[in-house]
C-alpha atoms as a PDB file:
ATOM      1  CA  UNK A   1       0.000   0.000   0.000  1.00  0.00           C
ATOM      2  CA  UNK A   2       1.106   3.535  -0.680  1.00  0.00           C
ATOM      3  CA  UNK A   3       1.670   5.712   2.381  1.00  0.00           C
ATOM      4  CA  UNK A   4       0.303   9.230   2.010  1.00  0.00           C
ATOM      5  CA  UNK A   5       3.000  11.894   2.003  1.00  0.00           C
ATOM      6  CA  UNK A   6       3.132  15.440   3.359  1.00  0.00           C
ATOM      7  CA  UNK A   7       2.791  16.957  -0.141  1.00  0.00           C
ATOM      8  CA  UNK A   8      -0.408  15.019  -0.739  1.00  0.00           C
ATOM      9  CA  UNK A   9      -1.786  15.999   2.651  1.00  0.00           C
ATOM     10  CA  UNK A  10      -1.008  19.681   1.966  1.00  0.00           C
ATOM     11  CA  UNK A  11      -2.687  19.491  -1.449  1.00  0.00           C
ATOM     12  CA  UNK A  12      -5.777  17.813   0.053  1.00  0.00           C
ATOM     13  CA  UNK A  13      -6.085  20.445   2.775  1.00  0.00           C
ATOM     14  CA  UNK A  14      -5.644  23.280   0.271  1.00  0.00           C
ATOM     15  CA  UNK A  15      -8.340  21.777  -1.970  1.00  0.00           C
ATOM     16  CA  UNK A  16     -10.733  21.449   0.985  1.00  0.00           C
ATOM     17  CA  UNK A  17     -10.142  25.036   2.044  1.00  0.00           C
ATOM     18  CA  UNK A  18     -10.666  26.324  -1.502  1.00  0.00           C
ATOM     19  CA  UNK A  19     -13.915  24.320  -1.745  1.00  0.00           C
ATOM     20  CA  UNK A  20     -15.018  25.940   1.503  1.00  0.00           C
ATOM     21  CA  UNK A  21     -14.086  29.395   0.161  1.00  0.00           C
ATOM     22  CA  UNK A  22     -16.327  28.730  -2.839  1.00  0.00           C
ATOM     23  CA  UNK A  23     -19.347  27.785  -0.688  1.00  0.00           C
ATOM     24  CA  UNK A  24     -19.138  24.003  -1.077  1.00  0.00           C
ATOM     25  CA  UNK A  25     -20.656  22.083   1.824  1.00  0.00           C
ATOM     26  CA  UNK A  26     -20.095  18.889   3.807  1.00  0.00           C
ATOM     27  CA  UNK A  27     -16.375  18.882   2.985  1.00  0.00           C
ATOM     28  CA  UNK A  28     -14.321  15.918   4.177  1.00  0.00           C
ATOM     29  CA  UNK A  29     -10.737  14.821   3.640  1.00  0.00           C
ATOM     30  CA  UNK A  30     -10.194  11.075   3.948  1.00  0.00           C
ATOM     31  CA  UNK A  31      -6.809   9.422   4.397  1.00  0.00           C
ATOM     32  CA  UNK A  32      -7.347   6.409   2.124  1.00  0.00           C
ATOM     33  CA  UNK A  33      -3.665   5.532   1.638  1.00  0.00           C
ATOM     34  CA  UNK A  34      -3.805   2.380   3.773  1.00  0.00           C
ATOM     35  CA  UNK A  35      -6.795   0.916   1.899  1.00  0.00           C
ATOM     36  CA  UNK A  36      -6.194   2.125  -1.671  1.00  0.00           C
ATOM     37  CA  UNK A  37      -2.963   1.652  -3.573  1.00  0.00           C
ATOM     38  CA  UNK A  38      -3.914   4.226  -6.211  1.00  0.00           C
ATOM     39  CA  UNK A  39      -4.091   7.376  -4.073  1.00  0.00           C
ATOM     40  CA  UNK A  40      -3.443   8.728  -0.602  1.00  0.00           C
ATOM     41  CA  UNK A  41      -6.339  11.113  -0.005  1.00  0.00           C
ATOM     42  CA  UNK A  42      -9.896  11.765  -1.099  1.00  0.00           C
ATOM     43  CA  UNK A  43     -11.341  15.250  -0.796  1.00  0.00           C
ATOM     44  CA  UNK A  44     -15.138  15.163  -1.010  1.00  0.00           C
ATOM     45  CA  UNK A  45     -17.366  18.236  -1.262  1.00  0.00           C
ATOM     46  CA  UNK A  46     -20.927  19.043  -2.266  1.00  0.00           C
ATOM     47  CA  UNK A  47     -22.693  21.872  -4.070  1.00  0.00           C
ATOM     48  CA  UNK A  48     -26.417  22.436  -4.579  1.00  0.00           C
ATOM     49  CA  UNK A  49     -26.286  22.892  -8.368  1.00  0.00           C
ATOM     50  CA  UNK A  50     -24.171  22.157 -11.419  1.00  0.00           C
ATOM     51  CA  UNK A  51     -22.960  25.705 -11.818  1.00  0.00           C
ATOM     52  CA  UNK A  52     -21.468  25.706  -8.327  1.00  0.00           C
ATOM     53  CA  UNK A  53     -19.993  22.203  -8.827  1.00  0.00           C
ATOM     54  CA  UNK A  54     -18.121  23.550 -11.836  1.00  0.00           C
ATOM     55  CA  UNK A  55     -17.095  26.751 -10.061  1.00  0.00           C
ATOM     56  CA  UNK A  56     -15.712  24.833  -7.062  1.00  0.00           C
ATOM     57  CA  UNK A  57     -13.830  22.378  -9.304  1.00  0.00           C
ATOM     58  CA  UNK A  58     -12.411  25.158 -11.484  1.00  0.00           C
ATOM     59  CA  UNK A  59     -11.209  27.136  -8.475  1.00  0.00           C
ATOM     60  CA  UNK A  60      -9.587  24.096  -6.849  1.00  0.00           C
ATOM     61  CA  UNK A  61      -7.743  23.285 -10.068  1.00  0.00           C
ATOM     62  CA  UNK A  62      -6.609  26.901 -10.551  1.00  0.00           C
ATOM     63  CA  UNK A  63      -5.464  27.302  -6.938  1.00  0.00           C
ATOM     64  CA  UNK A  64      -3.499  24.032  -6.869  1.00  0.00           C
ATOM     65  CA  UNK A  65      -1.775  24.962 -10.120  1.00  0.00           C
ATOM     66  CA  UNK A  66      -0.958  28.519  -8.969  1.00  0.00           C
ATOM     67  CA  UNK A  67       0.115  27.717  -5.398  1.00  0.00           C
ATOM     68  CA  UNK A  68       1.644  24.261  -5.762  1.00  0.00           C
ATOM     69  CA  UNK A  69       2.539  24.192  -9.448  1.00  0.00           C
ATOM     70  CA  UNK A  70       0.620  20.967  -9.987  1.00  0.00           C
ATOM     71  CA  UNK A  71      -1.825  20.482 -12.826  1.00  0.00           C
ATOM     72  CA  UNK A  72      -4.168  17.502 -12.464  1.00  0.00           C
ATOM     73  CA  UNK A  73      -3.396  14.183 -14.102  1.00  0.00           C
ATOM     74  CA  UNK A  74      -6.973  14.214 -15.386  1.00  0.00           C
ATOM     75  CA  UNK A  75     -10.354  15.829 -14.806  1.00  0.00           C
ATOM     76  CA  UNK A  76     -13.621  14.018 -15.425  1.00  0.00           C
ATOM     77  CA  UNK A  77     -17.250  15.091 -15.319  1.00  0.00           C
ATOM     78  CA  UNK A  78     -16.646  18.823 -15.595  1.00  0.00           C
ATOM     79  CA  UNK A  79     -19.017  19.288 -18.527  1.00  0.00           C
ATOM     80  CA  UNK A  80     -21.886  17.423 -16.854  1.00  0.00           C
ATOM     81  CA  UNK A  81     -21.216  19.116 -13.491  1.00  0.00           C
ATOM     82  CA  UNK A  82     -22.920  16.414 -11.444  1.00  0.00           C
ATOM     83  CA  UNK A  83     -19.817  14.696 -10.102  1.00  0.00           C
ATOM     84  CA  UNK A  84     -16.482  16.178 -11.048  1.00  0.00           C
ATOM     85  CA  UNK A  85     -13.328  14.238 -10.266  1.00  0.00           C
ATOM     86  CA  UNK A  86      -9.956  15.984 -10.219  1.00  0.00           C
ATOM     87  CA  UNK A  87      -7.129  13.448 -10.066  1.00  0.00           C
ATOM     88  CA  UNK A  88      -3.707  14.575  -8.848  1.00  0.00           C
ATOM     89  CA  UNK A  89      -2.357  11.044  -8.422  1.00  0.00           C
ATOM     90  CA  UNK A  90      -1.774  11.189  -4.677  1.00  0.00           C
ATOM     91  CA  UNK A  91      -5.039  13.106  -4.105  1.00  0.00           C
ATOM     92  CA  UNK A  92      -8.415  12.688  -5.776  1.00  0.00           C
ATOM     93  CA  UNK A  93     -10.917  15.528  -5.369  1.00  0.00           C
ATOM     94  CA  UNK A  94     -14.614  14.722  -5.767  1.00  0.00           C
ATOM     95  CA  UNK A  95     -17.061  17.617  -6.138  1.00  0.00           C
ATOM     96  CA  UNK A  96     -20.638  16.330  -6.143  1.00  0.00           C
ATOM     97  CA  UNK A  97     -23.974  17.921  -6.785  1.00  0.00           C
ATOM     98  CA  UNK A  98     -25.888  17.286  -3.533  1.00  0.00           C
ATOM     99  CA  UNK A  99     -28.279  14.670  -4.943  1.00  0.00           C
ATOM    100  CA  UNK A 100     -25.467  12.756  -6.641  1.00  0.00           C
ATOM    101  CA  UNK A 101     -23.467  12.600  -3.419  1.00  0.00           C
ATOM    102  CA  UNK A 102     -26.498  11.249  -1.593  1.00  0.00           C
ATOM    103  CA  UNK A 103     -26.973   8.629  -4.296  1.00  0.00           C
ATOM    104  CA  UNK A 104     -23.371   7.365  -4.391  1.00  0.00           C
ATOM    105  CA  UNK A 105     -22.605   7.689  -0.643  1.00  0.00           C
ATOM    106  CA  UNK A 106     -18.865   7.490  -1.345  1.00  0.00           C
ATOM    107  CA  UNK A 107     -17.828   8.201   2.256  1.00  0.00           C
ATOM    108  CA  UNK A 108     -19.837   5.201   3.444  1.00  0.00           C
ATOM    109  CA  UNK A 109     -17.478   2.966   1.465  1.00  0.00           C
ATOM    110  CA  UNK A 110     -14.520   4.427   3.380  1.00  0.00           C
ATOM    111  CA  UNK A 111     -16.153   4.895   6.773  1.00  0.00           C
ATOM    112  CA  UNK A 112     -13.283   3.233   8.611  1.00  0.00           C
ATOM    113  CA  UNK A 113     -10.458   5.436   7.276  1.00  0.00           C
ATOM    114  CA  UNK A 114      -9.132   8.427   9.230  1.00  0.00           C
ATOM    115  CA  UNK A 115     -10.524  11.877   8.522  1.00  0.00           C
ATOM    116  CA  UNK A 116      -8.052  14.718   8.184  1.00  0.00           C
ATOM    117  CA  UNK A 117      -8.813  18.018   9.867  1.00  0.00           C
ATOM    118  CA  UNK A 118      -8.575  20.758   7.241  1.00  0.00           C
ATOM    119  CA  UNK A 119     -10.097  23.799   8.985  1.00  0.00           C
ATOM    120  CA  UNK A 120      -7.639  26.509   9.984  1.00  0.00           C
END
């Protein structure tokens, strides 16, 4: 299993804070490194509509690139704006429209992993 590193943790916390700045809700950072070999952290956030999903995702991507110099490996779902995934390799950011998050219940699948405190 891949152990999460400090760079990944810093990126995850920055993404969570930027999501909060952009009015996303129910933001969690999960340390999934001990149960997933593909990434170290999940950042999960919600927004009430597609426009805000896109705005949150765009701002996270822009901030990470400007402050950490890291473009994502890939971005999926941006056009549909129901569930946007921003993959940085060691961190995967999920921005859900509220109803989609309720439907998929992604945190339930990882209920036993540690949560990372991201609030200042």
